[in-house]
């Protein structure tokens, strides 16, 4: 995938297999309130310290609350060589509005 953005439905469809990852760049307190099953929490400010945990060989969908932080995260990840990083537009708010699963 080369697009920098995907809808929540596109992301959800791709995340059903093992060929994609989901990174949540919100803060831990936000994660505790609600999160997407299977997501990995790496707050935006911590990304540089966890780059080695982010796959480079598959699509990596990145989300936050509404899409602003994840947009910044995707830009940074792509500059750091993670060319398959994709922003989930609308974040977890759009995910919930679409009725997709959360915990």
C-alpha atoms as a PDB file:
ATOM      1  CA  UNK A   1       0.000   0.000   0.000  1.00  0.00           C
ATOM      2  CA  UNK A   2       1.399   3.399  -0.904  1.00  0.00           C
ATOM      3  CA  UNK A   3      -1.439   5.729   0.080  1.00  0.00           C
ATOM      4  CA  UNK A   4      -0.790   7.798   3.171  1.00  0.00           C
ATOM      5  CA  UNK A   5      -4.408   7.605   4.355  1.00  0.00           C
ATOM      6  CA  UNK A   6      -7.125   4.999   4.705  1.00  0.00           C
ATOM      7  CA  UNK A   7     -10.699   5.106   5.932  1.00  0.00           C
ATOM      8  CA  UNK A   8     -11.629   3.205   9.067  1.00  0.00           C
ATOM      9  CA  UNK A   9     -13.386   0.624   6.898  1.00  0.00           C
ATOM     10  CA  UNK A  10     -10.311   0.137   4.695  1.00  0.00           C
ATOM     11  CA  UNK A  11      -8.095  -0.215   7.766  1.00  0.00           C
ATOM     12  CA  UNK A  12     -10.475  -2.633   9.477  1.00  0.00           C
ATOM     13  CA  UNK A  13     -10.642  -4.792   6.372  1.00  0.00           C
ATOM     14  CA  UNK A  14      -6.857  -4.987   6.110  1.00  0.00           C
ATOM     15  CA  UNK A  15      -6.342  -5.695   9.817  1.00  0.00           C
ATOM     16  CA  UNK A  16      -8.247  -8.968   9.782  1.00  0.00           C
ATOM     17  CA  UNK A  17      -5.144 -10.888   8.667  1.00  0.00           C
ATOM     18  CA  UNK A  18      -1.526 -10.890   9.781  1.00  0.00           C
ATOM     19  CA  UNK A  19      -0.289  -8.733   6.911  1.00  0.00           C
ATOM     20  CA  UNK A  20      -0.861  -5.364   8.640  1.00  0.00           C
ATOM     21  CA  UNK A  21      -0.293  -3.744  12.030  1.00  0.00           C
ATOM     22  CA  UNK A  22      -2.206  -1.069  13.970  1.00  0.00           C
ATOM     23  CA  UNK A  23      -0.420   1.541  16.085  1.00  0.00           C
ATOM     24  CA  UNK A  24      -2.297   3.821  18.510  1.00  0.00           C
ATOM     25  CA  UNK A  25      -0.364   7.057  19.121  1.00  0.00           C
ATOM     26  CA  UNK A  26      -2.649   8.406  21.837  1.00  0.00           C
ATOM     27  CA  UNK A  27      -1.665   8.713  25.499  1.00  0.00           C
ATOM     28  CA  UNK A  28      -2.005   5.806  27.972  1.00  0.00           C
ATOM     29  CA  UNK A  29      -4.946   7.434  29.765  1.00  0.00           C
ATOM     30  CA  UNK A  30      -6.819   7.645  26.445  1.00  0.00           C
ATOM     31  CA  UNK A  31      -6.006   3.987  25.714  1.00  0.00           C
ATOM     32  CA  UNK A  32      -7.424   2.972  29.101  1.00  0.00           C
ATOM     33  CA  UNK A  33     -10.751   4.615  28.236  1.00  0.00           C
ATOM     34  CA  UNK A  34     -11.166   2.847  24.884  1.00  0.00           C
ATOM     35  CA  UNK A  35      -8.937   1.157  22.326  1.00  0.00           C
ATOM     36  CA  UNK A  36      -9.108  -0.962  19.208  1.00  0.00           C
ATOM     37  CA  UNK A  37      -8.506  -4.695  19.745  1.00  0.00           C
ATOM     38  CA  UNK A  38      -5.111  -5.753  18.441  1.00  0.00           C
ATOM     39  CA  UNK A  39      -3.646  -2.234  18.434  1.00  0.00           C
ATOM     40  CA  UNK A  40      -0.240  -1.501  19.917  1.00  0.00           C
ATOM     41  CA  UNK A  41       0.034   1.623  22.061  1.00  0.00           C
ATOM     42  CA  UNK A  42       3.045   3.817  21.268  1.00  0.00           C
ATOM     43  CA  UNK A  43       2.318   7.436  22.241  1.00  0.00           C
ATOM     44  CA  UNK A  44       3.363   9.980  19.613  1.00  0.00           C
ATOM     45  CA  UNK A  45       6.196  11.365  21.735  1.00  0.00           C
ATOM     46  CA  UNK A  46       7.610   7.872  22.241  1.00  0.00           C
ATOM     47  CA  UNK A  47       7.751   6.867  18.556  1.00  0.00           C
ATOM     48  CA  UNK A  48      11.472   7.620  18.086  1.00  0.00           C
ATOM     49  CA  UNK A  49      12.327   5.251  20.954  1.00  0.00           C
ATOM     50  CA  UNK A  50      10.186   2.443  19.516  1.00  0.00           C
ATOM     51  CA  UNK A  51      10.933   2.615  15.793  1.00  0.00           C
ATOM     52  CA  UNK A  52      12.444  -0.884  15.862  1.00  0.00           C
ATOM     53  CA  UNK A  53       9.062  -2.250  17.046  1.00  0.00           C
ATOM     54  CA  UNK A  54       7.242  -0.911  13.976  1.00  0.00           C
ATOM     55  CA  UNK A  55       7.290  -3.280  10.995  1.00  0.00           C
ATOM     56  CA  UNK A  56       8.822  -2.127   7.727  1.00  0.00           C
ATOM     57  CA  UNK A  57       7.681  -5.162   5.726  1.00  0.00           C
ATOM     58  CA  UNK A  58       3.908  -4.675   5.995  1.00  0.00           C
ATOM     59  CA  UNK A  59       1.303  -1.943   6.139  1.00  0.00           C
ATOM     60  CA  UNK A  60       1.192  -0.094   9.442  1.00  0.00           C
ATOM     61  CA  UNK A  61      -2.063   1.706  10.142  1.00  0.00           C
ATOM     62  CA  UNK A  62      -1.704   4.548  12.640  1.00  0.00           C
ATOM     63  CA  UNK A  63      -4.557   6.140  14.549  1.00  0.00           C
ATOM     64  CA  UNK A  64      -5.182   8.621  17.337  1.00  0.00           C
ATOM     65  CA  UNK A  65      -8.361  10.275  18.599  1.00  0.00           C
ATOM     66  CA  UNK A  66      -9.343  12.198  15.468  1.00  0.00           C
ATOM     67  CA  UNK A  67      -6.448  11.994  13.011  1.00  0.00           C
ATOM     68  CA  UNK A  68      -4.202  14.967  13.831  1.00  0.00           C
ATOM     69  CA  UNK A  69      -1.515  13.176  15.852  1.00  0.00           C
ATOM     70  CA  UNK A  70      -1.575  10.144  13.588  1.00  0.00           C
ATOM     71  CA  UNK A  71      -1.031  12.381  10.560  1.00  0.00           C
ATOM     72  CA  UNK A  72       2.137  13.719  12.212  1.00  0.00           C
ATOM     73  CA  UNK A  73       3.162  10.195  13.198  1.00  0.00           C
ATOM     74  CA  UNK A  74       2.779   8.884   9.648  1.00  0.00           C
ATOM     75  CA  UNK A  75       4.857  11.750   8.247  1.00  0.00           C
ATOM     76  CA  UNK A  76       7.603  11.018  10.776  1.00  0.00           C
ATOM     77  CA  UNK A  77       7.459   7.250  10.209  1.00  0.00           C
ATOM     78  CA  UNK A  78       7.715   7.671   6.436  1.00  0.00           C
ATOM     79  CA  UNK A  79      10.717   9.965   6.868  1.00  0.00           C
ATOM     80  CA  UNK A  80      12.237   7.288   9.129  1.00  0.00           C
ATOM     81  CA  UNK A  81      11.905   4.666   6.393  1.00  0.00           C
ATOM     82  CA  UNK A  82       8.525   3.155   7.234  1.00  0.00           C
ATOM     83  CA  UNK A  83       7.092   3.774   3.748  1.00  0.00           C
ATOM     84  CA  UNK A  84       4.049   1.629   4.457  1.00  0.00           C
ATOM     85  CA  UNK A  85       2.753   3.778   7.341  1.00  0.00           C
ATOM     86  CA  UNK A  86      -0.873   4.813   6.726  1.00  0.00           C
ATOM     87  CA  UNK A  87      -3.028   7.306   8.639  1.00  0.00           C
ATOM     88  CA  UNK A  88      -6.474   6.097   9.679  1.00  0.00           C
ATOM     89  CA  UNK A  89      -8.597   9.151   8.884  1.00  0.00           C
ATOM     90  CA  UNK A  90     -10.889  10.277  11.670  1.00  0.00           C
ATOM     91  CA  UNK A  91      -9.092   8.186  14.278  1.00  0.00           C
ATOM     92  CA  UNK A  92     -10.831   6.163  16.930  1.00  0.00           C
ATOM     93  CA  UNK A  93     -13.748   8.613  16.902  1.00  0.00           C
ATOM     94  CA  UNK A  94     -14.545   7.665  13.290  1.00  0.00           C
ATOM     95  CA  UNK A  95     -13.885   4.002  14.110  1.00  0.00           C
ATOM     96  CA  UNK A  96     -16.475   4.095  16.887  1.00  0.00           C
ATOM     97  CA  UNK A  97     -18.970   6.069  14.783  1.00  0.00           C
ATOM     98  CA  UNK A  98     -18.686   3.354  12.130  1.00  0.00           C
ATOM     99  CA  UNK A  99     -19.632   0.746  14.736  1.00  0.00           C
ATOM    100  CA  UNK A 100     -16.308  -1.081  14.482  1.00  0.00           C
ATOM    101  CA  UNK A 101     -15.075  -3.067  17.510  1.00  0.00           C
ATOM    102  CA  UNK A 102     -13.453  -1.389  20.501  1.00  0.00           C
ATOM    103  CA  UNK A 103     -12.532  -2.530  23.990  1.00  0.00           C
END
